[in-house]
């Protein structure tokens, strides 16, 4: 799935996890006029010397294939009796074990509350 627009998608951490490229930082560098071929993370993705200055022909050169898998999951607060409209509520318990290879992003307050604007 490819969507062309100037904003990051909510799923961009999946791309970052596979490529090792910080997408917000890359967007800012592009906006600053820095060529992609001068960005260390892009150079690493294409197997080039990170500090190098030689151009990269992005249409011809191969990039590094992913050596891992990335999954994104979202738990939503929806009311099936109301056509699955978003709803607020509380989470009683979350048991998540973080590690360097596993991380989570949560929009839950310390009291378990989910605010009405939660995505």
Foldseek 3Di string as FASTA:
>chain_A
DDDDDLDDDPPVVQVCVQQVDDVVVVSVCVVVVNDLQQQQSSCVQQVHDSRDDDDDPVVPGDGDGGPDHDDDDDDFAFDVVVVRDGDKDFDPDDDDDDDPSDDDDDQADPRRTHDRPHD
